Amino acid sequence: MENEAARDFLTSLLNKNLRVVATDGRMFLGQFKCTDPVTTPPSLSAPFLADFHDQFQERNVVLAHTYEYRQPSAQQRAEAAQNSGGGTGSVKLDMTSRYLGLVVVPGEHIVKIEVEEFVSQIRGQNPYATAAVV
């Protein structure tokens, strides 16, 4: 029953926009398409199970129509601080982005996954259904 609930949950995420944060600080925003199947370990002794876990439990995530967002580099931060006049105030920098398309994010590098949903999607109703046209 637990496997069925997990499968239903993953199915509910299909084609939804996910925000995936990687260990190197990059963020990927794209449409969830699939993930690796989780296989059960074979009947092996304990030393082999560690190898099995490292080899087969990656749980990669595949995203379509993906944008990659990167934090500003240390050099960009230093230049911005220098250009701001060297004061003690804070400096605001934007993340850089680029379109990647279809992406496989390795499971071993995933730190956090968030589902992008709007209030109308959470309630399951159309926000324009009760709108009056004047």
C-alpha atoms as a PDB file:
ATOM      1  CA  MET A   1       0.000   0.000   0.000  1.00  0.00           C
ATOM      2  CA  GLU A   2       2.895   2.354   0.780  1.00  0.00           C
ATOM      3  CA  ASN A   3       4.340   1.925  -2.728  1.00  0.00           C
ATOM      4  CA  GLU A   4       0.936   2.689  -4.212  1.00  0.00           C
ATOM      5  CA  ALA A   5       0.622   5.927  -2.221  1.00  0.00           C
ATOM      6  CA  ALA A   6       4.124   6.986  -3.278  1.00  0.00           C
ATOM      7  CA  ARG A   7       3.323   6.239  -6.919  1.00  0.00           C
ATOM      8  CA  ASP A   8       0.081   8.233  -6.676  1.00  0.00           C
ATOM      9  CA  PHE A   9       1.950  11.180  -5.154  1.00  0.00           C
ATOM     10  CA  LEU A  10       4.566  11.176  -7.921  1.00  0.00           C
ATOM     11  CA  THR A  11       1.816  10.856 -10.531  1.00  0.00           C
ATOM     12  CA  SER A  12       0.102  13.930  -9.068  1.00  0.00           C
ATOM     13  CA  LEU A  13       3.326  15.894  -9.634  1.00  0.00           C
ATOM     14  CA  LEU A  14       3.592  15.035 -13.333  1.00  0.00           C
ATOM     15  CA  ASN A  15       3.705  18.140 -15.553  1.00  0.00           C
ATOM     16  CA  LYS A  16       3.809  20.487 -12.539  1.00  0.00           C
ATOM     17  CA  ASN A  17       6.574  23.041 -12.219  1.00  0.00           C
ATOM     18  CA  LEU A  18       9.237  22.033  -9.710  1.00  0.00           C
ATOM     19  CA  ARG A  19      12.019  24.103  -8.200  1.00  0.00           C
ATOM     20  CA  VAL A  20      15.033  21.850  -7.619  1.00  0.00           C
ATOM     21  CA  VAL A  21      18.006  23.195  -5.640  1.00  0.00           C
ATOM     22  CA  ALA A  22      21.374  21.495  -6.198  1.00  0.00           C
ATOM     23  CA  THR A  23      24.346  21.130  -3.854  1.00  0.00           C
ATOM     24  CA  ASP A  24      26.336  23.744  -5.799  1.00  0.00           C
ATOM     25  CA  GLY A  25      23.651  26.409  -5.234  1.00  0.00           C
ATOM     26  CA  ARG A  26      22.081  26.263  -8.676  1.00  0.00           C
ATOM     27  CA  MET A  27      18.299  26.179  -8.942  1.00  0.00           C
ATOM     28  CA  PHE A  28      16.414  24.467 -11.761  1.00  0.00           C
ATOM     29  CA  LEU A  29      12.835  25.468 -12.549  1.00  0.00           C
ATOM     30  CA  GLY A  30      11.076  23.123 -14.938  1.00  0.00           C
ATOM     31  CA  GLN A  31       8.173  20.807 -15.638  1.00  0.00           C
ATOM     32  CA  PHE A  32       8.447  17.433 -13.854  1.00  0.00           C
ATOM     33  CA  LYS A  33       8.428  14.546 -16.325  1.00  0.00           C
ATOM     34  CA  CYS A  34       9.789  11.472 -14.516  1.00  0.00           C
ATOM     35  CA  THR A  35      12.170  10.013 -11.974  1.00  0.00           C
ATOM     36  CA  ASP A  36      14.141   6.795 -11.697  1.00  0.00           C
ATOM     37  CA  PRO A  37      12.323   3.735 -10.416  1.00  0.00           C
ATOM     38  CA  VAL A  38      13.362   2.649  -6.941  1.00  0.00           C
ATOM     39  CA  THR A  39      14.458  -0.942  -7.162  1.00  0.00           C
ATOM     40  CA  THR A  40      14.490  -3.314  -4.226  1.00  0.00           C
ATOM     41  CA  PRO A  41      17.905  -4.639  -3.265  1.00  0.00           C
ATOM     42  CA  PRO A  42      18.688  -8.209  -4.230  1.00  0.00           C
ATOM     43  CA  SER A  43      19.279 -10.860  -1.589  1.00  0.00           C
ATOM     44  CA  LEU A  44      22.940 -10.108  -0.993  1.00  0.00           C
ATOM     45  CA  SER A  45      25.143  -9.982   2.051  1.00  0.00           C
ATOM     46  CA  ALA A  46      25.749  -6.707   3.897  1.00  0.00           C
ATOM     47  CA  PRO A  47      28.974  -5.586   2.099  1.00  0.00           C
ATOM     48  CA  PHE A  48      27.196  -5.698  -1.252  1.00  0.00           C
ATOM     49  CA  LEU A  49      24.185  -3.713  -0.032  1.00  0.00           C
ATOM     50  CA  ALA A  50      26.310  -0.583   0.449  1.00  0.00           C
ATOM     51  CA  ASP A  51      27.425  -0.802  -3.177  1.00  0.00           C
ATOM     52  CA  PHE A  52      23.835  -1.379  -4.274  1.00  0.00           C
ATOM     53  CA  HIS A  53      22.623   1.718  -2.432  1.00  0.00           C
ATOM     54  CA  ASP A  54      25.339   3.906  -3.949  1.00  0.00           C
ATOM     55  CA  GLN A  55      24.760   2.530  -7.419  1.00  0.00           C
ATOM     56  CA  PHE A  56      20.985   2.203  -7.784  1.00  0.00           C
ATOM     57  CA  GLN A  57      19.303   4.618  -5.377  1.00  0.00           C
ATOM     58  CA  GLU A  58      20.131   7.881  -7.156  1.00  0.00           C
ATOM     59  CA  ARG A  59      16.527   8.959  -7.816  1.00  0.00           C
ATOM     60  CA  ASN A  60      17.359  11.351 -10.659  1.00  0.00           C
ATOM     61  CA  VAL A  61      14.718  13.906 -11.621  1.00  0.00           C
ATOM     62  CA  VAL A  62      13.907  14.767 -15.251  1.00  0.00           C
ATOM     63  CA  LEU A  63      12.576  18.269 -15.963  1.00  0.00           C
ATOM     64  CA  ALA A  64      11.371  19.704 -19.282  1.00  0.00           C
ATOM     65  CA  HIS A  65      11.347  23.378 -20.361  1.00  0.00           C
ATOM     66  CA  THR A  66      13.940  24.047 -17.666  1.00  0.00           C
ATOM     67  CA  TYR A  67      15.623  27.285 -16.664  1.00  0.00           C
ATOM     68  CA  GLU A  68      18.826  27.237 -14.631  1.00  0.00           C
ATOM     69  CA  TYR A  69      19.430  30.026 -12.093  1.00  0.00           C
ATOM     70  CA  ARG A  70      22.893  30.680 -10.655  1.00  0.00           C
ATOM     71  CA  GLN A  71      24.040  32.766  -7.703  1.00  0.00           C
ATOM     72  CA  PRO A  72      26.435  35.618  -8.561  1.00  0.00           C
ATOM     73  CA  SER A  73      30.096  34.561  -8.484  1.00  0.00           C
ATOM     74  CA  ALA A  74      32.511  35.800  -5.823  1.00  0.00           C
ATOM     75  CA  GLN A  75      34.115  38.072  -8.421  1.00  0.00           C
ATOM     76  CA  GLN A  76      30.737  39.607  -9.352  1.00  0.00           C
ATOM     77  CA  ARG A  77      29.929  40.189  -5.673  1.00  0.00           C
ATOM     78  CA  ALA A  78      33.314  41.840  -5.097  1.00  0.00           C
ATOM     79  CA  GLU A  79      32.897  44.087  -8.147  1.00  0.00           C
ATOM     80  CA  ALA A  80      29.395  45.112  -7.066  1.00  0.00           C
ATOM     81  CA  ALA A  81      30.630  45.918  -3.560  1.00  0.00           C
ATOM     82  CA  GLN A  82      33.467  47.980  -5.005  1.00  0.00           C
ATOM     83  CA  ASN A  83      31.135  49.832  -7.384  1.00  0.00           C
ATOM     84  CA  SER A  84      28.715  50.653  -4.570  1.00  0.00           C
ATOM     85  CA  GLY A  85      31.272  52.949  -3.004  1.00  0.00           C
ATOM     86  CA  GLY A  86      32.662  50.621  -0.382  1.00  0.00           C
ATOM     87  CA  GLY A  87      30.061  51.606   2.208  1.00  0.00           C
ATOM     88  CA  THR A  88      28.637  49.287   4.806  1.00  0.00           C
ATOM     89  CA  GLY A  89      25.279  49.105   3.024  1.00  0.00           C
ATOM     90  CA  SER A  90      24.040  45.964   1.366  1.00  0.00           C
ATOM     91  CA  VAL A  91      24.407  45.278  -2.341  1.00  0.00           C
ATOM     92  CA  LYS A  92      21.622  43.702  -4.373  1.00  0.00           C
ATOM     93  CA  LEU A  93      22.562  41.347  -7.235  1.00  0.00           C
ATOM     94  CA  ASP A  94      20.318  39.307  -9.499  1.00  0.00           C
ATOM     95  CA  MET A  95      20.751  35.631 -10.228  1.00  0.00           C
ATOM     96  CA  THR A  96      21.808  34.793 -13.769  1.00  0.00           C
ATOM     97  CA  SER A  97      19.558  32.486 -15.748  1.00  0.00           C
ATOM     98  CA  ARG A  98      19.605  30.504 -18.948  1.00  0.00           C
ATOM     99  CA  TYR A  99      17.211  28.185 -20.740  1.00  0.00           C
ATOM    100  CA  LEU A 100      18.362  24.551 -20.823  1.00  0.00           C
ATOM    101  CA  GLY A 101      15.333  22.595 -22.074  1.00  0.00           C
ATOM    102  CA  LEU A 102      15.288  18.921 -21.021  1.00  0.00           C
ATOM    103  CA  VAL A 103      17.449  18.308 -17.935  1.00  0.00           C
ATOM    104  CA  VAL A 104      18.348  15.338 -15.742  1.00  0.00           C
ATOM    105  CA  VAL A 105      19.240  16.459 -12.217  1.00  0.00           C
ATOM    106  CA  PRO A 106      21.271  13.721 -10.483  1.00  0.00           C
ATOM    107  CA  GLY A 107      19.610  12.634  -7.256  1.00  0.00           C
ATOM    108  CA  GLU A 108      22.864  12.727  -5.329  1.00  0.00           C
ATOM    109  CA  HIS A 109      23.081  16.490  -5.968  1.00  0.00           C
ATOM    110  CA  ILE A 110      19.492  17.398  -5.013  1.00  0.00           C
ATOM    111  CA  VAL A 111      19.175  19.406  -1.803  1.00  0.00           C
ATOM    112  CA  LYS A 112      15.539  20.530  -1.976  1.00  0.00           C
ATOM    113  CA  ILE A 113      12.511  20.139  -4.244  1.00  0.00           C
ATOM    114  CA  GLU A 114       9.550  22.540  -4.167  1.00  0.00           C
ATOM    115  CA  VAL A 115       6.306  22.422  -6.131  1.00  0.00           C
ATOM    116  CA  GLU A 116       5.276  25.713  -7.707  1.00  0.00           C
ATOM    117  CA  GLU A 117       1.559  26.092  -7.063  1.00  0.00           C
ATOM    118  CA  PHE A 118      -0.734  29.068  -7.027  1.00  0.00           C
ATOM    119  CA  VAL A 119      -3.671  29.591  -4.673  1.00  0.00           C
ATOM    120  CA  SER A 120      -6.157  28.721  -7.425  1.00  0.00           C
ATOM    121  CA  GLN A 121      -4.388  25.400  -8.059  1.00  0.00           C
ATOM    122  CA  ILE A 122      -4.340  24.491  -4.383  1.00  0.00           C
ATOM    123  CA  ARG A 123      -8.062  25.097  -3.966  1.00  0.00           C
ATOM    124  CA  GLY A 124      -8.777  23.251  -7.196  1.00  0.00           C
ATOM    125  CA  GLN A 125     -10.968  25.971  -8.607  1.00  0.00           C
ATOM    126  CA  ASN A 126     -10.826  28.414 -11.452  1.00  0.00           C
ATOM    127  CA  PRO A 127     -10.242  31.985 -10.162  1.00  0.00           C
ATOM    128  CA  TYR A 128     -12.173  33.376 -13.135  1.00  0.00           C
ATOM    129  CA  ALA A 129     -15.279  31.248 -12.580  1.00  0.00           C
ATOM    130  CA  THR A 130     -16.919  33.848 -10.322  1.00  0.00           C
ATOM    131  CA  ALA A 131     -15.559  36.931 -12.082  1.00  0.00           C
ATOM    132  CA  ALA A 132     -18.148  39.355 -13.354  1.00  0.00           C
ATOM    133  CA  VAL A 133     -17.756  40.914 -16.773  1.00  0.00           C
ATOM    134  CA  VAL A 134     -18.726  44.583 -16.771  1.00  0.00           C
END
